[in-house]
Amino acid sequence: MSLTATEKPVRHGRVRQPAHGVGRLVRRLDRERRRFLHATTPEVPTEQAWRAGVAEGLRLAQLAIRKGV
């Protein structure tokens, strides 16, 4: 049996839903990441490392959202 233009192939497993508002979420994460990277006052190395860790976590979250994980 061949597929016609009106038939859809059967997909097994997880089906991706349309991603509404993902672009807005990614932009917000980018804003937050930039805010965490730049401190307005001098900070101790521990706080600087913590901020860098938060920024890296936000960056990874962006990548995961874009990939649809």
Protein backbone atom coordinates (compact mmCIF):
# COMPACT_ATOMS: atom_id res chain seq x y z
CA MET A 1 0.00 0.00 0.00
CA SER A 2 1.49 3.33 -1.03
CA LEU A 3 0.97 6.66 0.70
CA THR A 4 -1.15 9.28 -0.98
CA ALA A 5 -0.98 13.01 -0.40
CA THR A 6 -3.77 12.86 2.18
CA GLU A 7 -2.37 10.03 4.32
CA LYS A 8 0.13 10.69 7.07
CA PRO A 9 2.78 8.19 8.06
CA VAL A 10 2.25 6.49 11.43
CA ARG A 11 4.66 7.83 14.04
CA HIS A 12 5.55 5.71 17.01
CA GLY A 13 6.87 7.16 20.24
CA ARG A 14 6.86 10.73 21.41
CA VAL A 15 5.14 13.29 19.20
CA ARG A 16 6.36 16.87 19.42
CA GLN A 17 3.74 19.46 20.12
CA PRO A 18 3.95 22.91 18.54
CA ALA A 19 6.19 25.14 20.63
CA HIS A 20 4.27 28.32 21.35
CA GLY A 21 6.13 31.05 23.18
CA VAL A 22 9.50 29.29 23.06
CA GLY A 23 11.16 32.25 21.37
CA ARG A 24 9.94 34.55 24.11
CA LEU A 25 11.21 32.16 26.78
CA VAL A 26 14.62 31.90 25.11
CA ARG A 27 14.90 35.70 24.90
CA ARG A 28 13.97 36.00 28.58
CA LEU A 29 16.61 33.43 29.54
CA ASP A 30 19.17 35.37 27.52
CA ARG A 31 18.27 38.59 29.35
CA GLU A 32 18.54 36.85 32.72
CA ARG A 33 21.88 35.29 31.76
CA ARG A 34 23.34 38.66 30.77
CA ARG A 35 22.05 40.19 33.99
CA PHE A 36 23.70 37.47 36.07
CA LEU A 37 27.01 37.81 34.22
CA HIS A 38 27.40 41.53 34.98
CA ALA A 39 27.48 42.64 38.57
CA THR A 40 26.96 46.31 39.40
CA THR A 41 29.23 46.24 42.46
CA PRO A 42 32.60 44.64 43.16
CA GLU A 43 32.06 41.07 44.31
CA VAL A 44 34.00 38.33 46.04
CA PRO A 45 35.31 35.42 43.92
CA THR A 46 32.73 33.03 45.40
CA GLU A 47 29.86 35.24 44.27
CA GLN A 48 31.51 35.67 40.87
CA ALA A 49 31.76 31.90 40.46
CA TRP A 50 28.14 31.46 41.56
CA ARG A 51 26.99 34.03 38.99
CA ALA A 52 29.00 32.29 36.28
CA GLY A 53 27.38 28.97 37.24
CA VAL A 54 23.89 30.46 37.07
CA ALA A 55 24.66 32.01 33.68
CA GLU A 56 25.94 28.66 32.38
CA GLY A 57 22.80 26.92 33.63
CA LEU A 58 20.63 29.45 31.83
CA ARG A 59 22.66 28.94 28.65
CA LEU A 60 22.19 25.17 28.84
CA ALA A 61 18.47 25.64 29.44
CA GLN A 62 18.28 27.75 26.27
CA LEU A 63 19.99 25.03 24.25
CA ALA A 64 17.68 22.35 25.62
CA ILE A 65 14.59 24.42 24.80
CA ARG A 66 15.80 25.08 21.26
CA LYS A 67 16.50 21.38 20.71
CA GLY A 68 13.10 20.47 22.15
CA VAL A 69 14.42 18.28 24.95
